[in-house]
Amino acid sequence: MSLTIRFLLYVTQWIAISKTEHAELLYWPRDGYHFTKGQQVVPVVLAELGKLMPHYTLGFVKEQEAYVPVALIGLGQGNLYLHPEGKWLGSYVPAALRGYPFRLAKQEEQTVLCIDQEQLTDEPSAKPLFDEEGQLASSVAQTIEFLQKCEENRQLTAACVGKLAAAGVIEPWPLQIGRGEGQEPLQVNGLHRISEQALNALDAETLHGLRGGPLSLAYAQMLSTHQLSQLTQRAELLANAASTQDVPENLDSVLDGAGDDDELMFDFDS
């Protein structure tokens, strides 16, 4: 059995928020992570590497001519970090998911704030986009600040990945993952990894040019491969739990003894 990984950040209809068009509308804030149900990978950034490594396998997916660092969260049957009720089965939620239902996007050479169209509503119990003075509501403004930090770090991350690619240390990853007793291994296509052999063969000058972010990302990816067994365990635990309708809210506590959920929305460092 084979699975081809493609870069896809939850499919939805994004529209730019307009004060003139949406001043009277409200929105439903993120209530769980149902929107990630079909995802196999999620993009990640340098600032969160320390929190990702204990719980995720990292790799790279090629998008057009560039490589994007990602965390692997599925094995073909959907997101293995997603509870049926929409909760995240883990101690850390990747930053790329936590800004929903908002995102920043380029529009006519400008960066604009967008929202998932399905989250707009006129229900009185929803949250306002704008305050009484016509300014963005405080919760929306806070989300913009978070998204801007994410974007700044995404650009820094992209520059670091570009240096790794230019050094020739990113290679296709012929990954096979066991799926439990009696099942053939899953052949995963489309992922890339750091070549340890190529990295070790770099000359001193090139290696010096990778100091800092690029090398941090390279070593994080290589070390994270120790988490591959988690994906198989998650698939087995979720399959067994589905038959009993008893899915634990934090699979990390079952798999590796991790602590409480980290839901500090706008703080990478804590």
C-alpha atoms as a PDB file:
ATOM      1  CA  MET A   1       0.000   0.000   0.000  1.00  0.00           C
ATOM      2  CA  SER A   2       1.304   3.478  -0.823  1.00  0.00           C
ATOM      3  CA  LEU A   3       0.471   7.051   0.181  1.00  0.00           C
ATOM      4  CA  THR A   4       1.557  10.195  -1.667  1.00  0.00           C
ATOM      5  CA  ILE A   5       2.042  13.205   0.592  1.00  0.00           C
ATOM      6  CA  ARG A   6       0.913  16.534  -0.839  1.00  0.00           C
ATOM      7  CA  PHE A   7       1.190  19.936   0.754  1.00  0.00           C
ATOM      8  CA  LEU A   8      -2.330  20.913   1.764  1.00  0.00           C
ATOM      9  CA  LEU A   9      -3.401  23.194   4.599  1.00  0.00           C
ATOM     10  CA  TYR A  10      -7.089  22.476   5.204  1.00  0.00           C
ATOM     11  CA  VAL A  11      -9.329  23.133   2.211  1.00  0.00           C
ATOM     12  CA  THR A  12     -11.692  26.031   2.745  1.00  0.00           C
ATOM     13  CA  GLN A  13     -13.057  29.181   1.089  1.00  0.00           C
ATOM     14  CA  TRP A  14     -11.067  32.164   2.303  1.00  0.00           C
ATOM     15  CA  ILE A  15     -12.399  35.700   1.855  1.00  0.00           C
ATOM     16  CA  ALA A  16     -10.726  38.999   2.737  1.00  0.00           C
ATOM     17  CA  ILE A  17     -12.311  40.803   5.686  1.00  0.00           C
ATOM     18  CA  SER A  18     -13.742  44.168   4.707  1.00  0.00           C
ATOM     19  CA  LYS A  19     -14.960  46.840   7.128  1.00  0.00           C
ATOM     20  CA  THR A  20     -17.581  48.005   4.622  1.00  0.00           C
ATOM     21  CA  GLU A  21     -18.884  44.529   3.755  1.00  0.00           C
ATOM     22  CA  HIS A  22     -18.542  42.745   7.098  1.00  0.00           C
ATOM     23  CA  ALA A  23     -19.024  45.465   9.722  1.00  0.00           C
ATOM     24  CA  GLU A  24     -22.317  43.969  10.881  1.00  0.00           C
ATOM     25  CA  LEU A  25     -21.275  40.321  10.670  1.00  0.00           C
ATOM     26  CA  LEU A  26     -19.979  38.082  13.423  1.00  0.00           C
ATOM     27  CA  TYR A  27     -17.889  34.932  13.360  1.00  0.00           C
ATOM     28  CA  TRP A  28     -17.606  31.567  15.041  1.00  0.00           C
ATOM     29  CA  PRO A  29     -14.188  31.182  16.699  1.00  0.00           C
ATOM     30  CA  ARG A  30     -12.242  27.956  16.396  1.00  0.00           C
ATOM     31  CA  ASP A  31     -13.983  25.221  18.357  1.00  0.00           C
ATOM     32  CA  GLY A  32     -11.713  22.231  18.025  1.00  0.00           C
ATOM     33  CA  TYR A  33      -9.782  21.042  14.976  1.00  0.00           C
ATOM     34  CA  HIS A  34     -12.363  19.302  12.807  1.00  0.00           C
ATOM     35  CA  PHE A  35     -11.070  21.304   9.831  1.00  0.00           C
ATOM     36  CA  THR A  36      -7.847  19.213   9.878  1.00  0.00           C
ATOM     37  CA  LYS A  37      -9.627  15.876   9.470  1.00  0.00           C
ATOM     38  CA  GLY A  38      -8.163  14.972   6.060  1.00  0.00           C
ATOM     39  CA  GLN A  39      -4.671  16.367   6.565  1.00  0.00           C
ATOM     40  CA  GLN A  40      -1.560  14.218   6.368  1.00  0.00           C
ATOM     41  CA  VAL A  41       1.000  16.960   7.099  1.00  0.00           C
ATOM     42  CA  VAL A  42       1.030  20.451   8.581  1.00  0.00           C
ATOM     43  CA  PRO A  43       3.670  23.143   7.846  1.00  0.00           C
ATOM     44  CA  VAL A  44       5.955  24.101  10.735  1.00  0.00           C
ATOM     45  CA  VAL A  45       8.389  26.914  11.554  1.00  0.00           C
ATOM     46  CA  LEU A  46      11.723  27.258  13.326  1.00  0.00           C
ATOM     47  CA  ALA A  47      10.313  28.894  16.456  1.00  0.00           C
ATOM     48  CA  GLU A  48       8.346  25.798  17.406  1.00  0.00           C
ATOM     49  CA  LEU A  49      10.937  23.075  16.746  1.00  0.00           C
ATOM     50  CA  GLY A  50      11.582  22.452  20.428  1.00  0.00           C
ATOM     51  CA  LYS A  51       7.904  21.759  21.097  1.00  0.00           C
ATOM     52  CA  LEU A  52       7.404  19.687  17.956  1.00  0.00           C
ATOM     53  CA  MET A  53      10.294  17.252  18.291  1.00  0.00           C
ATOM     54  CA  PRO A  54       8.977  15.156  21.216  1.00  0.00           C
ATOM     55  CA  HIS A  55       5.687  14.444  19.443  1.00  0.00           C
ATOM     56  CA  TYR A  56       6.023  14.678  15.647  1.00  0.00           C
ATOM     57  CA  THR A  57       8.041  13.285  12.769  1.00  0.00           C
ATOM     58  CA  LEU A  58       9.352  16.150  10.643  1.00  0.00           C
ATOM     59  CA  GLY A  59      10.141  16.159   6.934  1.00  0.00           C
ATOM     60  CA  PHE A  60       9.969  18.355   3.863  1.00  0.00           C
ATOM     61  CA  VAL A  61       7.398  18.553   1.076  1.00  0.00           C
ATOM     62  CA  LYS A  62       8.317  20.170  -2.232  1.00  0.00           C
ATOM     63  CA  GLU A  63       5.923  22.944  -3.248  1.00  0.00           C
ATOM     64  CA  GLN A  64       6.696  24.270  -6.716  1.00  0.00           C
ATOM     65  CA  GLU A  65      10.473  24.830  -6.542  1.00  0.00           C
ATOM     66  CA  ALA A  66      10.820  25.194  -2.768  1.00  0.00           C
ATOM     67  CA  TYR A  67      10.832  22.806   0.167  1.00  0.00           C
ATOM     68  CA  VAL A  68       8.394  23.315   3.043  1.00  0.00           C
ATOM     69  CA  PRO A  69       9.144  21.771   6.458  1.00  0.00           C
ATOM     70  CA  VAL A  70       6.172  19.792   7.740  1.00  0.00           C
ATOM     71  CA  ALA A  71       5.067  17.585  10.614  1.00  0.00           C
ATOM     72  CA  LEU A  72       3.615  14.242   9.560  1.00  0.00           C
ATOM     73  CA  ILE A  73       0.208  13.747  11.226  1.00  0.00           C
ATOM     74  CA  GLY A  74      -1.482  11.045   9.131  1.00  0.00           C
ATOM     75  CA  LEU A  75      -1.000   7.693   7.432  1.00  0.00           C
ATOM     76  CA  GLY A  76      -3.622   7.881   4.719  1.00  0.00           C
ATOM     77  CA  GLN A  77      -6.687   7.329   6.887  1.00  0.00           C
ATOM     78  CA  GLY A  78      -6.788  10.904   8.160  1.00  0.00           C
ATOM     79  CA  ASN A  79      -5.298  13.009  10.935  1.00  0.00           C
ATOM     80  CA  LEU A  80      -4.050  10.740  13.732  1.00  0.00           C
ATOM     81  CA  TYR A  81      -3.826  13.677  16.140  1.00  0.00           C
ATOM     82  CA  LEU A  82      -7.537  14.476  15.875  1.00  0.00           C
ATOM     83  CA  HIS A  83     -10.071  13.285  18.443  1.00  0.00           C
ATOM     84  CA  PRO A  84     -13.522  12.418  17.001  1.00  0.00           C
ATOM     85  CA  GLU A  85     -14.914  15.352  18.995  1.00  0.00           C
ATOM     86  CA  GLY A  86     -12.404  17.753  17.425  1.00  0.00           C
ATOM     87  CA  LYS A  87      -9.887  17.927  20.281  1.00  0.00           C
ATOM     88  CA  TRP A  88      -6.180  17.706  19.508  1.00  0.00           C
ATOM     89  CA  LEU A  89      -4.636  14.444  20.664  1.00  0.00           C
ATOM     90  CA  GLY A  90      -1.329  15.836  21.780  1.00  0.00           C
ATOM     91  CA  SER A  91       0.460  18.228  24.092  1.00  0.00           C
ATOM     92  CA  TYR A  92       1.339  20.764  21.390  1.00  0.00           C
ATOM     93  CA  VAL A  93      -0.721  21.990  18.443  1.00  0.00           C
ATOM     94  CA  PRO A  94       1.341  23.243  15.461  1.00  0.00           C
ATOM     95  CA  ALA A  95       1.145  27.018  15.096  1.00  0.00           C
ATOM     96  CA  ALA A  96      -0.164  26.863  11.519  1.00  0.00           C
ATOM     97  CA  LEU A  97      -3.464  25.483  12.830  1.00  0.00           C
ATOM     98  CA  ARG A  98      -4.074  27.782  15.774  1.00  0.00           C
ATOM     99  CA  GLY A  99      -4.972  30.964  13.897  1.00  0.00           C
ATOM    100  CA  TYR A 100      -8.095  29.400  12.356  1.00  0.00           C
ATOM    101  CA  PRO A 101     -10.631  30.647  11.278  1.00  0.00           C
ATOM    102  CA  PHE A 102      -8.289  33.453  10.173  1.00  0.00           C
ATOM    103  CA  ARG A 103      -5.219  33.563   7.962  1.00  0.00           C
ATOM    104  CA  LEU A 104      -3.071  36.138   6.213  1.00  0.00           C
ATOM    105  CA  ALA A 105      -2.930  36.094   2.418  1.00  0.00           C
ATOM    106  CA  LYS A 106      -1.425  38.117  -0.405  1.00  0.00           C
ATOM    107  CA  GLN A 107      -3.911  40.136  -2.433  1.00  0.00           C
ATOM    108  CA  GLU A 108      -2.737  42.597  -5.083  1.00  0.00           C
ATOM    109  CA  GLU A 109       0.726  42.766  -3.488  1.00  0.00           C
ATOM    110  CA  GLN A 110      -0.773  43.492  -0.076  1.00  0.00           C
ATOM    111  CA  THR A 111      -1.159  41.228   2.925  1.00  0.00           C
ATOM    112  CA  VAL A 112      -4.786  41.024   4.020  1.00  0.00           C
ATOM    113  CA  LEU A 113      -6.636  39.266   6.792  1.00  0.00           C
ATOM    114  CA  CYS A 114      -8.929  36.507   5.562  1.00  0.00           C
ATOM    115  CA  ILE A 115     -11.520  34.330   7.231  1.00  0.00           C
ATOM    116  CA  ASP A 116     -13.104  31.001   6.416  1.00  0.00           C
ATOM    117  CA  GLN A 117     -16.342  32.082   4.770  1.00  0.00           C
ATOM    118  CA  GLU A 118     -18.307  29.338   6.534  1.00  0.00           C
ATOM    119  CA  GLN A 119     -17.395  30.844   9.913  1.00  0.00           C
ATOM    120  CA  LEU A 120     -19.152  34.148   9.177  1.00  0.00           C
ATOM    121  CA  THR A 121     -22.611  34.460  10.699  1.00  0.00           C
ATOM    122  CA  ASP A 122     -25.214  36.890  11.996  1.00  0.00           C
ATOM    123  CA  GLU A 123     -26.073  34.740  15.036  1.00  0.00           C
ATOM    124  CA  PRO A 124     -26.094  36.989  18.146  1.00  0.00           C
ATOM    125  CA  SER A 125     -24.153  34.410  20.179  1.00  0.00           C
ATOM    126  CA  ALA A 126     -21.139  34.618  17.846  1.00  0.00           C
ATOM    127  CA  LYS A 127     -18.186  36.988  18.254  1.00  0.00           C
ATOM    128  CA  PRO A 128     -17.945  40.405  16.540  1.00  0.00           C
ATOM    129  CA  LEU A 129     -15.328  41.134  13.885  1.00  0.00           C
ATOM    130  CA  PHE A 130     -15.394  44.869  14.660  1.00  0.00           C
ATOM    131  CA  ASP A 131     -16.017  46.882  17.803  1.00  0.00           C
ATOM    132  CA  GLU A 132     -18.428  49.794  18.216  1.00  0.00           C
ATOM    133  CA  GLU A 133     -15.803  52.222  16.894  1.00  0.00           C
ATOM    134  CA  GLY A 134     -15.345  50.282  13.689  1.00  0.00           C
ATOM    135  CA  GLN A 135     -11.975  48.861  14.678  1.00  0.00           C
ATOM    136  CA  LEU A 136     -11.138  45.166  14.644  1.00  0.00           C
ATOM    137  CA  ALA A 137     -12.342  43.468  17.818  1.00  0.00           C
ATOM    138  CA  SER A 138      -9.591  42.781  20.365  1.00  0.00           C
ATOM    139  CA  SER A 139      -9.710  39.016  19.839  1.00  0.00           C
ATOM    140  CA  VAL A 140      -9.314  39.474  16.078  1.00  0.00           C
ATOM    141  CA  ALA A 141      -6.483  41.983  16.540  1.00  0.00           C
ATOM    142  CA  GLN A 142      -4.732  39.504  18.840  1.00  0.00           C
ATOM    143  CA  THR A 143      -5.063  36.827  16.194  1.00  0.00           C
ATOM    144  CA  ILE A 144      -3.536  39.152  13.585  1.00  0.00           C
ATOM    145  CA  GLU A 145      -0.539  39.683  15.870  1.00  0.00           C
ATOM    146  CA  PHE A 146      -0.122  35.907  16.193  1.00  0.00           C
ATOM    147  CA  LEU A 147      -0.445  35.386  12.443  1.00  0.00           C
ATOM    148  CA  GLN A 148       2.099  38.132  11.754  1.00  0.00           C
ATOM    149  CA  LYS A 149       4.594  36.445  14.087  1.00  0.00           C
ATOM    150  CA  CYS A 150       3.944  33.166  12.301  1.00  0.00           C
ATOM    151  CA  GLU A 151       4.497  34.793   8.911  1.00  0.00           C
ATOM    152  CA  GLU A 152       7.732  36.450   9.991  1.00  0.00           C
ATOM    153  CA  ASN A 153       9.031  33.131  11.243  1.00  0.00           C
ATOM    154  CA  ARG A 154       7.771  31.336   8.146  1.00  0.00           C
ATOM    155  CA  GLN A 155       9.901  33.636   6.002  1.00  0.00           C
ATOM    156  CA  LEU A 156      12.926  33.028   8.228  1.00  0.00           C
ATOM    157  CA  THR A 157      12.262  29.282   8.047  1.00  0.00           C
ATOM    158  CA  ALA A 158      11.992  29.400   4.254  1.00  0.00           C
ATOM    159  CA  ALA A 159      15.356  31.171   4.044  1.00  0.00           C
ATOM    160  CA  CYS A 160      16.948  28.479   6.216  1.00  0.00           C
ATOM    161  CA  VAL A 161      15.440  25.692   4.123  1.00  0.00           C
ATOM    162  CA  GLY A 162      16.704  27.437   0.999  1.00  0.00           C
ATOM    163  CA  LYS A 163      20.248  27.316   2.381  1.00  0.00           C
ATOM    164  CA  LEU A 164      19.905  23.603   3.127  1.00  0.00           C
ATOM    165  CA  ALA A 165      18.623  22.963  -0.395  1.00  0.00           C
ATOM    166  CA  ALA A 166      21.449  25.002  -1.933  1.00  0.00           C
ATOM    167  CA  ALA A 167      23.943  22.957   0.082  1.00  0.00           C
ATOM    168  CA  GLY A 168      22.493  19.798  -1.466  1.00  0.00           C
ATOM    169  CA  VAL A 169      21.570  18.060   1.792  1.00  0.00           C
ATOM    170  CA  ILE A 170      17.837  17.547   1.161  1.00  0.00           C
ATOM    171  CA  GLU A 171      16.966  14.260  -0.516  1.00  0.00           C
ATOM    172  CA  PRO A 172      13.832  12.176  -1.315  1.00  0.00           C
ATOM    173  CA  TRP A 173      12.750  10.060   1.640  1.00  0.00           C
ATOM    174  CA  PRO A 174      11.831   6.460   0.713  1.00  0.00           C
ATOM    175  CA  LEU A 175       9.780   6.018   3.867  1.00  0.00           C
ATOM    176  CA  GLN A 176       8.062   2.794   4.893  1.00  0.00           C
ATOM    177  CA  ILE A 177       5.912   2.721   8.017  1.00  0.00           C
ATOM    178  CA  GLY A 178       4.635  -0.428   9.677  1.00  0.00           C
ATOM    179  CA  ARG A 179       0.891  -0.539  10.171  1.00  0.00           C
ATOM    180  CA  GLY A 180       0.581  -3.301  12.709  1.00  0.00           C
ATOM    181  CA  GLU A 181       0.488  -7.067  12.689  1.00  0.00           C
ATOM    182  CA  GLY A 182      -0.978  -8.653   9.567  1.00  0.00           C
ATOM    183  CA  GLN A 183      -0.806  -5.457   7.478  1.00  0.00           C
ATOM    184  CA  GLU A 184       1.716  -4.636   4.790  1.00  0.00           C
ATOM    185  CA  PRO A 185       3.938  -1.581   5.435  1.00  0.00           C
ATOM    186  CA  LEU A 186       2.772   1.762   4.096  1.00  0.00           C
ATOM    187  CA  GLN A 187       5.012   3.220   1.397  1.00  0.00           C
ATOM    188  CA  VAL A 188       5.004   7.009   1.819  1.00  0.00           C
ATOM    189  CA  ASN A 189       5.861   9.054  -1.282  1.00  0.00           C
ATOM    190  CA  GLY A 190       6.461  12.788  -1.632  1.00  0.00           C
ATOM    191  CA  LEU A 191       8.434  13.386   1.568  1.00  0.00           C
ATOM    192  CA  HIS A 192      12.037  14.586   1.709  1.00  0.00           C
ATOM    193  CA  ARG A 193      14.605  14.469   4.496  1.00  0.00           C
ATOM    194  CA  ILE A 194      18.069  15.645   5.439  1.00  0.00           C
ATOM    195  CA  SER A 195      20.810  13.385   4.098  1.00  0.00           C
ATOM    196  CA  GLU A 196      23.123  12.782   7.046  1.00  0.00           C
ATOM    197  CA  GLN A 197      25.784  11.517   4.657  1.00  0.00           C
ATOM    198  CA  ALA A 198      25.641  14.681   2.548  1.00  0.00           C
ATOM    199  CA  LEU A 199      25.619  16.879   5.649  1.00  0.00           C
ATOM    200  CA  ASN A 200      28.702  15.172   7.074  1.00  0.00           C
ATOM    201  CA  ALA A 201      30.499  15.531   3.731  1.00  0.00           C
ATOM    202  CA  LEU A 202      30.140  19.326   3.554  1.00  0.00           C
ATOM    203  CA  ASP A 203      33.304  21.387   3.557  1.00  0.00           C
ATOM    204  CA  ALA A 204      34.001  23.690   6.490  1.00  0.00           C
ATOM    205  CA  GLU A 205      33.002  26.889   4.679  1.00  0.00           C
ATOM    206  CA  THR A 206      29.629  25.538   3.550  1.00  0.00           C
ATOM    207  CA  LEU A 207      28.934  24.054   6.977  1.00  0.00           C
ATOM    208  CA  HIS A 208      29.781  27.385   8.606  1.00  0.00           C
ATOM    209  CA  GLY A 209      27.202  29.058   6.369  1.00  0.00           C
ATOM    210  CA  LEU A 210      24.534  26.747   7.776  1.00  0.00           C
ATOM    211  CA  ARG A 211      25.181  27.616  11.414  1.00  0.00           C
ATOM    212  CA  GLY A 212      22.134  28.710  13.380  1.00  0.00           C
ATOM    213  CA  GLY A 213      18.678  28.160  11.934  1.00  0.00           C
ATOM    214  CA  PRO A 214      19.559  25.880   8.984  1.00  0.00           C
ATOM    215  CA  LEU A 215      21.527  23.405  11.101  1.00  0.00           C
ATOM    216  CA  SER A 216      18.919  23.524  13.877  1.00  0.00           C
ATOM    217  CA  LEU A 217      16.265  22.572  11.351  1.00  0.00           C
ATOM    218  CA  ALA A 218      18.461  19.859   9.822  1.00  0.00           C
ATOM    219  CA  TYR A 219      19.219  18.167  13.133  1.00  0.00           C
ATOM    220  CA  ALA A 220      15.623  18.530  14.326  1.00  0.00           C
ATOM    221  CA  GLN A 221      14.393  16.713  11.233  1.00  0.00           C
ATOM    222  CA  MET A 222      16.908  13.888  11.619  1.00  0.00           C
ATOM    223  CA  LEU A 223      16.246  13.435  15.342  1.00  0.00           C
ATOM    224  CA  SER A 224      12.477  13.557  14.890  1.00  0.00           C
ATOM    225  CA  THR A 225      12.518  10.333  12.903  1.00  0.00           C
ATOM    226  CA  HIS A 226      12.547   8.543  16.271  1.00  0.00           C
ATOM    227  CA  GLN A 227       8.871   9.532  16.541  1.00  0.00           C
ATOM    228  CA  LEU A 228       7.837   7.458  13.510  1.00  0.00           C
ATOM    229  CA  SER A 229       6.702   4.627  15.756  1.00  0.00           C
ATOM    230  CA  GLN A 230       4.199   7.049  17.336  1.00  0.00           C
ATOM    231  CA  LEU A 231       2.245   7.207  14.084  1.00  0.00           C
ATOM    232  CA  THR A 232       1.795   3.438  14.003  1.00  0.00           C
ATOM    233  CA  GLN A 233       0.860   3.385  17.687  1.00  0.00           C
ATOM    234  CA  ARG A 234      -1.613   6.214  17.194  1.00  0.00           C
ATOM    235  CA  ALA A 235      -3.261   4.400  14.283  1.00  0.00           C
ATOM    236  CA  GLU A 236      -3.608   1.223  16.349  1.00  0.00           C
ATOM    237  CA  LEU A 237      -4.857   3.019  19.477  1.00  0.00           C
ATOM    238  CA  LEU A 238      -7.423   5.044  17.554  1.00  0.00           C
ATOM    239  CA  ALA A 239      -8.652   1.975  15.683  1.00  0.00           C
ATOM    240  CA  ASN A 240      -9.051   0.044  18.933  1.00  0.00           C
ATOM    241  CA  ALA A 241     -10.606   2.996  20.721  1.00  0.00           C
ATOM    242  CA  ALA A 242     -13.089   3.577  17.897  1.00  0.00           C
ATOM    243  CA  SER A 243     -14.512   0.091  18.426  1.00  0.00           C
ATOM    244  CA  THR A 244     -15.087   0.859  22.113  1.00  0.00           C
ATOM    245  CA  GLN A 245     -15.887   4.554  21.614  1.00  0.00           C
ATOM    246  CA  ASP A 246     -13.297   5.360  24.258  1.00  0.00           C
ATOM    247  CA  VAL A 247     -10.654   7.653  22.740  1.00  0.00           C
ATOM    248  CA  PRO A 248      -8.328   9.261  25.327  1.00  0.00           C
ATOM    249  CA  GLU A 249      -8.220  13.058  25.086  1.00  0.00           C
ATOM    250  CA  ASN A 250      -4.406  13.138  25.107  1.00  0.00           C
ATOM    251  CA  LEU A 251      -2.724  10.245  23.329  1.00  0.00           C
ATOM    252  CA  ASP A 252       0.646  11.704  24.279  1.00  0.00           C
ATOM    253  CA  SER A 253      -0.085  10.692  27.867  1.00  0.00           C
ATOM    254  CA  VAL A 254      -0.580   7.125  26.653  1.00  0.00           C
ATOM    255  CA  LEU A 255       2.399   7.059  24.290  1.00  0.00           C
ATOM    256  CA  ASP A 256       5.128   8.931  26.092  1.00  0.00           C
ATOM    257  CA  GLY A 257       3.951  10.320  29.389  1.00  0.00           C
ATOM    258  CA  ALA A 258       3.696  13.947  28.234  1.00  0.00           C
ATOM    259  CA  GLY A 259       2.142  16.573  30.470  1.00  0.00           C
ATOM    260  CA  ASP A 260      -0.765  18.968  30.099  1.00  0.00           C
ATOM    261  CA  ASP A 261      -1.911  20.433  26.806  1.00  0.00           C
ATOM    262  CA  ASP A 262      -0.013  23.519  25.683  1.00  0.00           C
ATOM    263  CA  GLU A 263      -2.666  25.990  24.539  1.00  0.00           C
ATOM    264  CA  LEU A 264      -0.724  29.267  24.851  1.00  0.00           C
ATOM    265  CA  MET A 265      -2.096  30.610  21.616  1.00  0.00           C
ATOM    266  CA  PHE A 266       0.286  33.457  20.983  1.00  0.00           C
ATOM    267  CA  ASP A 267       3.485  32.485  22.767  1.00  0.00           C
ATOM    268  CA  PHE A 268       6.077  30.244  21.113  1.00  0.00           C
ATOM    269  CA  ASP A 269       8.554  30.542  23.965  1.00  0.00           C
ATOM    270  CA  SER A 270       6.587  29.479  27.037  1.00  0.00           C
END
